[in-house]
Amino acid sequence: MSVKVLGGIKVLDFSRVFAGPAATQVLGDMGADILKIEPPGGDEARYYGMTRERLEKFGGTSPSFLALNRNKRSMEIDLRHEDGKAIARKLAAGVDVVVHNYRPGVMERLGLGYEALAEHNPRLIYAEFSAYGRQGPLSHVGANDLALQAHSGLISITGEPGRSPVRCGSAIVDLHGSLALVAGILGAIIHRGQTGRGQRVEASLMLSAAHLMSYFYTEYWMDGTMHQPMGTANHLSVPNQAFPAADGEVVIIASTDEMWQRFAHAMGPETLDIPEFSHVFARRQNRVTLVEAVSAITRTKTCAQIIDILGKAKVVVAKINTIGEAADNPQLVAANGRIDLQVGEHSVGSVASPFQLEAVDMNSATTPPALGHHTDDILAEFGFSRDEIDSFRQSGAFGKAKATMDA
C-alpha cells in the first residue's frame, strides 16, 4: 500500500515562476498539501510562452505553469490589501511550511517575515529562495537564472572556444536550486521532529550556481586555474565530447585508461591502440590528434551502430537527441519520468520529480489549478465563515485587477 510520505504537511506557497514552484511541486508529489497563494492576475508563469493556438487549445494553461504546478490548490490574494495580509497571517499560523521567493525585505514589509509569523507558530518552517541571499553587498539586487549563470562564471565556460559565451538552454540554476530548497525543507522537518521547533531555511540562485561550479571554484582556489569554453569537450579527460556520426552526433566518454582500451579495441585498434594514446595524460597532450582519429572512425558509422558497439564494450555513449527524441524516448517512461495530466480535453505530459521512493506513489497527480479555484474551500478549512469570505471578496482582498508584487 502506497503512503504519502508528507501527508498531513501543509505548505503555504507564495512562490512564483520557476525555482519556488518547482520545489513545492516535489513536496506535493510526496503528499504535502500545497496551498498556492497567487497575486491578483496570478503567477506570472501562467502566461509564459503562451500563443493564440495554445490559448484556444489548452484554455490559458502555459507550458511553464503546467510543468511546475501539479498537485496544488490555488488562492488569489492581494497581499497589499490589509484584509489580504490578515488572511495570509491566519493561514500561516495553521501550516507547517511557508515558501516564498520574493526579494529580501518584501515579506517583512508586508508583516509576513519569519519572526512575525514564527511568533504565532513556533513550529513553522519558513523557506525562502532569493537571488543572492539575505545578506551581503548584492542581497538587494534582483536576478534570474540567466543573471546567475553569468555571475557564477557558468557562462564563461559554456560554448565553443574563441566564440561568445553561451547560456545553458534550460533554467539549470533555478531547477538545481529548487532541489536544494526541497532538501533544506525536508531537513528542517526532520529537525522539528527532534526538537519540536521550526526554523528559517534559505536557498538562493547564487548558492545553487556556486554548487554547480564547485570543482571549478576549488581548482581556482588551489592554483588560480580558470578554464575556458571547450564546446562539448571536458578538460579532465579525452575522449569526453561529441563526435560526428553518419546520421547525427554521439557523445563518447572514455575517461579512464581501462575504458579507453575497451573503446579502442571495439572501434579500431589499428589506429587508436598506439603509445600516444596509452594513458590519460598522453591523451590529453595529444587531444587534437586523438579527436581527429576518433572522428574519422565515427563518421563511417550511424549513431545506432556506434551505440550498439560501445554499449557492448561498456563504454559511455549517447546520441545527441532532439527535444522530441528525448521526450518520447521509451526509457523516460520506463523510469517513471513522465506524468500525464488532463488539461481540458487533452492529455499533456509533465516531467516527474527527479527521484522515486519505492514505497511512495509520486506519479499520481492533479492538474495545475485554475487561478483562485480553491480560495473559498481553503478559507473555510481555516475557520473563515461564509460571511467573512464574502466580505473579503467585496473589499478587494482577492484582488480587483491584475497586479504583481516586486519580484
Protein backbone atom coordinates (compact mmCIF):
# COMPACT_ATOMS: atom_id res chain seq x y z
CA MET A 1 0.00 0.00 0.00
CA SER A 2 1.42 3.36 -1.04
CA VAL A 3 1.92 6.01 1.62
CA LYS A 4 2.06 9.76 1.10
CA VAL A 5 5.28 10.42 2.99
CA LEU A 6 4.43 14.10 3.52
CA GLY A 7 0.73 13.50 4.10
CA GLY A 8 -0.58 15.93 6.72
CA ILE A 9 2.07 18.56 5.93
CA LYS A 10 0.53 21.85 4.82
CA VAL A 11 2.63 24.23 2.74
CA LEU A 12 1.68 27.89 2.23
CA ASP A 13 3.36 28.65 -1.10
CA PHE A 14 3.85 32.30 -2.05
CA SER A 15 6.45 31.47 -4.70
CA ARG A 16 6.13 32.19 -8.41
CA VAL A 17 7.72 31.42 -11.77
CA PHE A 18 10.32 28.59 -11.62
CA ALA A 19 12.52 27.76 -8.60
CA GLY A 20 9.92 28.03 -5.83
CA PRO A 21 7.07 26.31 -7.69
CA ALA A 22 9.44 23.53 -8.82
CA ALA A 23 10.34 22.90 -5.17
CA THR A 24 6.78 22.89 -3.87
CA GLN A 25 5.71 20.59 -6.71
CA VAL A 26 8.20 17.99 -5.45
CA LEU A 27 6.75 18.37 -1.95
CA GLY A 28 3.28 17.97 -3.43
CA ASP A 29 4.35 14.83 -5.27
CA MET A 30 5.30 13.39 -1.87
CA GLY A 31 1.85 14.15 -0.49
CA ALA A 32 2.10 17.62 1.06
CA ASP A 33 -0.97 19.84 0.73
CA ILE A 34 0.30 22.81 -1.32
CA LEU A 35 -1.75 25.99 -0.89
CA LYS A 36 -0.56 28.21 -3.74
CA ILE A 37 -1.10 31.88 -2.94
CA GLU A 38 -1.17 33.93 -6.15
CA PRO A 39 -1.31 37.72 -6.52
CA PRO A 40 -4.19 39.28 -8.45
CA GLY A 41 -3.75 38.17 -12.05
CA GLY A 42 -1.86 35.06 -10.98
CA ASP A 43 1.65 33.65 -11.08
CA GLU A 44 3.50 35.26 -13.99
CA ALA A 45 4.39 31.79 -15.30
CA ARG A 46 0.73 31.25 -16.20
CA TYR A 47 1.37 33.43 -19.24
CA TYR A 48 4.95 32.45 -20.20
CA GLY A 49 5.23 31.00 -23.69
CA MET A 50 1.55 31.36 -24.48
CA THR A 51 0.42 31.57 -28.08
CA ARG A 52 -3.03 32.08 -29.57
CA GLU A 53 -3.11 28.40 -30.55
CA ARG A 54 -2.22 27.23 -27.04
CA LEU A 55 -4.73 29.63 -25.53
CA GLU A 56 -7.51 28.22 -27.68
CA LYS A 57 -6.50 24.58 -27.22
CA PHE A 58 -5.50 24.46 -23.56
CA GLY A 59 -7.59 27.25 -22.06
CA GLY A 60 -4.79 29.53 -20.96
CA THR A 61 -2.55 26.96 -19.28
CA SER A 62 1.03 27.75 -20.28
CA PRO A 63 3.71 25.05 -20.62
CA SER A 64 5.75 26.68 -17.85
CA PHE A 65 2.86 26.69 -15.39
CA LEU A 66 1.73 23.20 -16.31
CA ALA A 67 5.25 21.84 -15.83
CA LEU A 68 5.69 23.10 -12.27
CA ASN A 69 2.32 23.35 -10.55
CA ARG A 70 0.62 19.97 -10.35
CA ASN A 71 -0.76 18.74 -7.01
CA LYS A 72 -1.55 22.24 -5.74
CA ARG A 73 -4.58 24.27 -4.73
CA SER A 74 -4.80 27.92 -5.76
CA MET A 75 -5.89 31.02 -3.88
CA GLU A 76 -5.83 34.55 -5.29
CA ILE A 77 -4.95 37.06 -2.54
CA ASP A 78 -3.81 40.67 -2.74
CA LEU A 79 -1.07 40.88 -0.11
CA ARG A 80 -1.06 44.68 -0.40
CA HIS A 81 -4.62 44.75 0.90
CA GLU A 82 -5.00 44.81 4.70
CA ASP A 83 -7.57 42.00 4.61
CA GLY A 84 -5.27 40.03 2.32
CA LYS A 85 -2.42 40.34 4.81
CA ALA A 86 -4.72 39.30 7.66
CA ILE A 87 -5.80 36.22 5.72
CA ALA A 88 -2.20 35.27 5.00
CA ARG A 89 -1.21 35.63 8.66
CA LYS A 90 -4.06 33.38 9.79
CA LEU A 91 -3.18 30.77 7.19
CA ALA A 92 0.49 30.88 8.23
CA ALA A 93 -0.50 30.21 11.83
CA GLY A 94 -2.01 26.89 10.79
CA VAL A 95 0.51 25.43 8.33
CA ASP A 96 3.79 23.58 8.63
CA VAL A 97 5.81 25.33 5.94
CA VAL A 98 5.82 28.76 4.28
CA VAL A 99 7.70 29.15 0.98
CA HIS A 100 8.40 32.39 -0.87
CA ASN A 101 10.85 33.74 -3.44
CA TYR A 102 10.29 37.49 -3.18
CA ARG A 103 13.27 39.79 -2.80
CA PRO A 104 14.72 40.13 0.72
CA GLY A 105 12.63 42.59 2.71
CA VAL A 106 9.35 42.28 0.77
CA MET A 107 7.71 39.79 3.12
CA GLU A 108 8.95 41.71 6.17
CA ARG A 109 7.34 44.92 4.86
CA LEU A 110 4.09 43.00 4.48
CA GLY A 111 4.25 41.76 8.05
CA LEU A 112 4.84 38.21 6.77
CA GLY A 113 8.53 37.79 7.64
CA TYR A 114 9.82 34.80 9.60
CA GLU A 115 9.98 36.49 13.01
CA ALA A 116 6.42 37.84 12.74
CA LEU A 117 4.94 34.50 11.68
CA ALA A 118 7.03 32.30 13.99
CA GLU A 119 5.84 34.31 16.98
CA HIS A 120 2.38 32.78 16.47
CA ASN A 121 3.60 29.46 15.05
CA PRO A 122 6.95 28.42 16.60
CA ARG A 123 6.84 25.10 14.70
CA LEU A 124 6.77 26.96 11.38
CA ILE A 125 9.40 26.13 8.79
CA TYR A 126 9.96 29.30 6.78
CA ALA A 127 11.70 28.62 3.48
CA GLU A 128 12.86 31.50 1.33
CA PHE A 129 14.57 31.43 -2.04
CA SER A 130 16.34 34.60 -3.17
CA ALA A 131 18.79 35.74 -5.82
CA TYR A 132 21.93 36.36 -3.72
CA GLY A 133 20.82 35.58 -0.16
CA ARG A 134 19.53 37.76 2.67
CA GLN A 135 22.87 39.43 3.48
CA GLY A 136 25.83 40.87 1.63
CA PRO A 137 26.51 43.62 -0.93
CA LEU A 138 24.25 42.10 -3.61
CA SER A 139 21.38 40.98 -1.38
CA HIS A 140 19.17 43.84 -2.61
CA VAL A 141 19.75 43.08 -6.30
CA GLY A 142 17.13 41.17 -8.26
CA ALA A 143 18.23 38.38 -10.57
CA ASN A 144 17.04 35.38 -12.53
CA ASP A 145 18.54 32.15 -13.85
CA LEU A 146 20.48 33.82 -16.67
CA ALA A 147 21.87 36.50 -14.36
CA LEU A 148 23.31 33.85 -12.05
CA GLN A 149 24.65 31.80 -14.93
CA ALA A 150 26.60 34.97 -15.72
CA HIS A 151 27.52 35.96 -12.15
CA SER A 152 28.72 32.46 -11.22
CA GLY A 153 31.04 32.11 -14.21
CA LEU A 154 28.97 29.25 -15.62
CA ILE A 155 28.52 31.11 -18.90
CA SER A 156 32.28 31.74 -19.12
CA ILE A 157 32.93 28.01 -19.57
CA THR A 158 29.94 27.31 -21.83
CA GLY A 159 30.10 27.47 -25.62
CA GLU A 160 32.70 26.93 -28.31
CA PRO A 161 36.36 28.00 -27.98
CA GLY A 162 37.03 31.53 -29.21
CA ARG A 163 33.36 32.48 -29.51
CA SER A 164 30.96 34.50 -27.37
CA PRO A 165 29.69 32.87 -24.16
CA VAL A 166 26.50 30.80 -24.38
CA ARG A 167 23.82 30.30 -21.75
CA CYS A 168 22.71 26.83 -20.75
CA GLY A 169 19.48 26.30 -22.66
CA SER A 170 17.48 25.15 -19.63
CA ALA A 171 16.84 27.14 -16.44
CA ILE A 172 19.52 25.00 -14.82
CA VAL A 173 20.23 27.27 -11.84
CA ASP A 174 16.53 27.65 -10.99
CA LEU A 175 15.85 23.93 -11.14
CA HIS A 176 19.01 22.92 -9.31
CA GLY A 177 18.14 25.47 -6.64
CA SER A 178 14.63 24.06 -6.31
CA LEU A 179 16.04 20.73 -5.20
CA ALA A 180 18.32 22.49 -2.71
CA LEU A 181 15.23 24.16 -1.27
CA VAL A 182 13.45 20.79 -1.04
CA ALA A 183 16.45 19.26 0.74
CA GLY A 184 16.51 22.13 3.22
CA ILE A 185 12.80 21.87 3.94
CA LEU A 186 12.97 18.10 4.47
CA GLY A 187 15.96 18.57 6.78
CA ALA A 188 14.01 21.17 8.78
CA ILE A 189 11.01 18.82 9.04
CA ILE A 190 13.28 16.10 10.47
CA HIS A 191 14.87 18.64 12.85
CA ARG A 192 11.43 19.78 14.00
CA GLY A 193 10.54 16.17 14.75
CA GLN A 194 13.59 16.00 17.01
CA THR A 195 13.24 19.39 18.72
CA GLY A 196 9.63 20.48 18.26
CA ARG A 197 10.67 23.80 16.75
CA GLY A 198 10.69 25.23 13.26
CA GLN A 199 13.35 27.40 11.65
CA ARG A 200 14.26 29.52 8.66
CA VAL A 201 15.50 27.68 5.56
CA GLU A 202 17.48 29.66 2.99
CA ALA A 203 18.43 28.81 -0.57
CA SER A 204 19.47 31.12 -3.39
CA LEU A 205 20.29 31.27 -7.05
CA MET A 206 23.85 32.23 -6.16
CA LEU A 207 24.47 29.22 -3.94
CA SER A 208 22.77 26.96 -6.46
CA ALA A 209 25.03 28.24 -9.23
CA ALA A 210 28.11 28.03 -7.00
CA HIS A 211 27.26 24.40 -6.25
CA LEU A 212 27.10 23.69 -9.98
CA MET A 213 30.55 25.29 -10.33
CA SER A 214 32.02 23.62 -7.25
CA TYR A 215 35.10 21.88 -8.66
CA PHE A 216 35.88 24.80 -10.97
CA TYR A 217 36.00 27.12 -7.94
CA THR A 218 38.12 24.65 -5.95
CA GLU A 219 40.59 24.31 -8.81
CA TYR A 220 40.81 28.12 -8.99
CA TRP A 221 41.31 28.41 -5.22
CA MET A 222 44.05 25.77 -5.40
CA ASP A 223 46.27 27.32 -8.09
CA GLY A 224 44.41 30.07 -9.94
CA THR A 225 43.29 27.90 -12.88
CA MET A 226 40.39 29.39 -14.88
CA HIS A 227 39.05 27.21 -17.68
CA GLN A 228 37.70 28.48 -20.98
CA PRO A 229 34.83 27.14 -23.13
CA MET A 230 35.54 23.78 -24.77
CA GLY A 231 32.27 23.07 -26.55
CA THR A 232 31.20 19.55 -25.57
CA ALA A 233 34.77 18.60 -24.56
CA ASN A 234 35.98 18.25 -20.99
CA HIS A 235 39.31 19.41 -19.59
CA LEU A 236 39.56 16.40 -17.28
CA SER A 237 39.86 13.68 -19.92
CA VAL A 238 39.66 12.81 -23.60
CA PRO A 239 37.66 11.48 -25.36
CA ASN A 240 34.87 13.18 -23.45
CA GLN A 241 32.80 15.07 -26.02
CA ALA A 242 30.55 14.88 -29.08
CA PHE A 243 31.73 13.15 -32.25
CA PRO A 244 30.20 13.14 -35.74
CA ALA A 245 28.30 10.08 -36.95
CA ALA A 246 26.97 9.27 -40.41
CA ASP A 247 23.48 10.43 -39.38
CA GLY A 248 24.00 12.78 -36.43
CA GLU A 249 26.28 13.14 -33.42
CA VAL A 250 27.11 10.99 -30.44
CA VAL A 251 28.78 11.76 -27.13
CA ILE A 252 31.56 9.36 -26.20
CA ILE A 253 33.24 9.29 -22.80
CA ALA A 254 36.22 7.01 -22.22
CA SER A 255 37.74 8.81 -19.26
CA THR A 256 39.87 6.05 -17.72
CA ASP A 257 42.71 4.02 -19.23
CA GLU A 258 40.69 0.83 -18.87
CA MET A 259 37.68 2.31 -20.65
CA TRP A 260 39.91 3.75 -23.34
CA GLN A 261 41.35 0.29 -24.06
CA ARG A 262 37.85 -1.17 -24.41
CA PHE A 263 36.89 1.71 -26.68
CA ALA A 264 40.00 1.41 -28.87
CA HIS A 265 39.65 -2.36 -29.31
CA ALA A 266 35.95 -2.05 -30.16
CA MET A 267 36.26 0.83 -32.63
CA GLY A 268 39.61 0.43 -34.39
CA PRO A 269 42.73 -0.85 -32.63
CA GLU A 270 44.88 -0.37 -35.70
CA THR A 271 44.64 3.43 -35.43
CA LEU A 272 43.77 4.00 -31.77
CA ASP A 273 45.85 1.50 -29.81
CA ILE A 274 49.11 3.47 -30.05
CA PRO A 275 51.59 4.82 -27.45
CA GLU A 276 50.45 8.44 -27.93
CA PHE A 277 47.03 7.46 -26.56
CA SER A 278 48.15 4.90 -23.99
CA HIS A 279 47.29 6.77 -20.80
CA VAL A 280 45.14 9.69 -19.71
CA PHE A 281 47.95 12.26 -19.62
CA ALA A 282 49.17 11.29 -23.07
CA ARG A 283 45.65 11.52 -24.44
CA ARG A 284 45.22 15.00 -23.02
CA GLN A 285 48.55 16.11 -24.53
CA ASN A 286 47.53 14.67 -27.92
CA ARG A 287 43.91 15.83 -27.75
CA VAL A 288 43.70 17.24 -31.30
CA THR A 289 45.24 14.16 -32.91
CA LEU A 290 43.03 11.81 -30.90
CA VAL A 291 39.82 13.67 -31.69
CA GLU A 292 40.66 13.62 -35.41
CA ALA A 293 41.41 9.89 -35.29
CA VAL A 294 38.19 9.04 -33.45
CA SER A 295 36.11 11.32 -35.70
CA ALA A 296 37.47 9.57 -38.81
CA ILE A 297 36.04 6.31 -37.48
CA THR A 298 32.71 7.58 -36.11
CA ARG A 299 31.86 9.36 -39.38
CA THR A 300 31.65 5.98 -41.11
CA LYS A 301 29.02 4.60 -38.75
CA THR A 302 25.47 5.55 -37.80
CA CYS A 303 24.54 6.63 -34.29
CA ALA A 304 22.77 3.31 -33.74
CA GLN A 305 25.82 1.34 -34.83
CA ILE A 306 28.14 3.31 -32.54
CA ILE A 307 25.80 2.93 -29.57
CA ASP A 308 25.48 -0.79 -30.20
CA ILE A 309 29.27 -1.31 -30.46
CA LEU A 310 30.23 0.82 -27.48
CA GLY A 311 27.31 -0.33 -25.36
CA LYS A 312 28.53 -3.90 -25.67
CA ALA A 313 32.07 -2.72 -24.85
CA LYS A 314 30.79 -0.98 -21.68
CA VAL A 315 31.88 2.47 -22.86
CA VAL A 316 29.73 5.51 -22.02
CA VAL A 317 27.94 6.65 -25.19
CA ALA A 318 24.77 8.57 -26.05
CA LYS A 319 23.15 10.01 -29.15
CA ILE A 320 22.59 13.77 -29.11
CA ASN A 321 18.81 13.77 -29.25
CA THR A 322 16.39 16.49 -30.19
CA ILE A 323 13.92 17.54 -27.50
CA GLY A 324 11.29 15.39 -29.20
CA GLU A 325 13.53 12.33 -29.40
CA ALA A 326 14.43 12.65 -25.72
CA ALA A 327 10.90 13.38 -24.51
CA ASP A 328 9.44 10.43 -26.44
CA ASN A 329 12.26 8.02 -25.62
CA PRO A 330 10.77 4.86 -24.08
CA GLN A 331 13.42 4.91 -21.36
CA LEU A 332 11.83 8.01 -19.80
CA VAL A 333 8.50 6.21 -19.40
CA ALA A 334 10.22 3.04 -18.15
CA ALA A 335 11.91 5.08 -15.43
CA ASN A 336 8.58 6.66 -14.37
CA GLY A 337 9.78 10.01 -15.69
CA ARG A 338 6.52 11.14 -17.29
CA ILE A 339 3.20 12.02 -15.68
CA ASP A 340 0.16 12.60 -17.87
CA LEU A 341 -2.16 15.43 -16.84
CA GLN A 342 -5.61 16.15 -18.18
CA VAL A 343 -5.91 19.72 -19.45
CA GLY A 344 -9.43 20.23 -20.71
CA GLU A 345 -9.97 17.59 -23.35
CA HIS A 346 -6.25 16.97 -23.83
CA SER A 347 -3.72 14.76 -22.07
CA VAL A 348 -0.37 16.54 -21.66
CA GLY A 349 2.88 15.06 -20.40
CA SER A 350 4.65 16.52 -17.39
CA VAL A 351 8.13 15.54 -16.15
CA ALA A 352 8.03 13.65 -12.86
CA SER A 353 10.08 14.53 -9.79
CA PRO A 354 13.75 13.59 -10.32
CA PHE A 355 13.68 10.77 -7.77
CA GLN A 356 11.36 7.92 -6.87
CA LEU A 357 10.55 6.42 -3.47
CA GLU A 358 9.77 2.71 -3.68
CA ALA A 359 7.05 2.82 -1.02
CA VAL A 360 5.51 6.10 -2.16
CA ASP A 361 3.35 6.76 -5.22
CA MET A 362 4.76 10.04 -6.52
CA ASN A 363 3.31 9.82 -10.02
CA SER A 364 -0.42 10.23 -9.41
CA ALA A 365 -1.18 13.89 -9.87
CA THR A 366 -3.84 16.55 -10.08
CA THR A 367 -3.72 19.09 -12.89
CA PRO A 368 -2.38 22.57 -12.02
CA PRO A 369 -5.26 24.61 -10.64
CA ALA A 370 -7.17 27.44 -12.23
CA LEU A 371 -6.33 30.80 -10.66
CA GLY A 372 -8.05 31.15 -7.28
CA HIS A 373 -10.10 27.99 -7.80
CA HIS A 374 -9.74 26.80 -4.20
CA THR A 375 -9.94 30.14 -2.38
CA ASP A 376 -13.29 29.59 -0.67
CA ASP A 377 -12.60 25.94 0.22
CA ILE A 378 -9.24 26.68 1.82
CA LEU A 379 -10.50 29.64 3.81
CA ALA A 380 -13.40 27.54 5.12
CA GLU A 381 -10.90 24.86 6.20
CA PHE A 382 -9.04 27.51 8.24
CA GLY A 383 -12.18 28.61 10.03
CA PHE A 384 -13.37 31.58 7.99
CA SER A 385 -17.14 31.88 7.77
CA ARG A 386 -19.13 32.29 4.58
CA ASP A 387 -19.94 35.87 5.55
CA GLU A 388 -16.25 36.66 6.16
CA ILE A 389 -15.26 35.22 2.80
CA ASP A 390 -17.95 37.24 1.03
CA SER A 391 -16.80 40.36 2.87
CA PHE A 392 -13.20 39.78 1.81
CA ARG A 393 -14.29 39.41 -1.78
CA GLN A 394 -16.26 42.64 -1.70
CA SER A 395 -13.40 44.54 -0.03
CA GLY A 396 -10.93 43.51 -2.74
CA ALA A 397 -8.78 41.20 -0.61
CA PHE A 398 -8.67 38.75 -3.50
CA GLY A 399 -7.81 41.48 -5.99
CA LYS A 400 -9.84 43.63 -8.33
CA ALA A 401 -7.41 43.90 -11.22
CA LYS A 402 -4.25 42.25 -12.45
CA ALA A 403 -1.27 43.29 -10.34
CA THR A 404 2.10 41.91 -9.33
CA MET A 405 4.42 42.45 -6.41
CA ASP A 406 8.07 43.44 -6.59
CA ALA A 407 9.97 40.39 -7.78
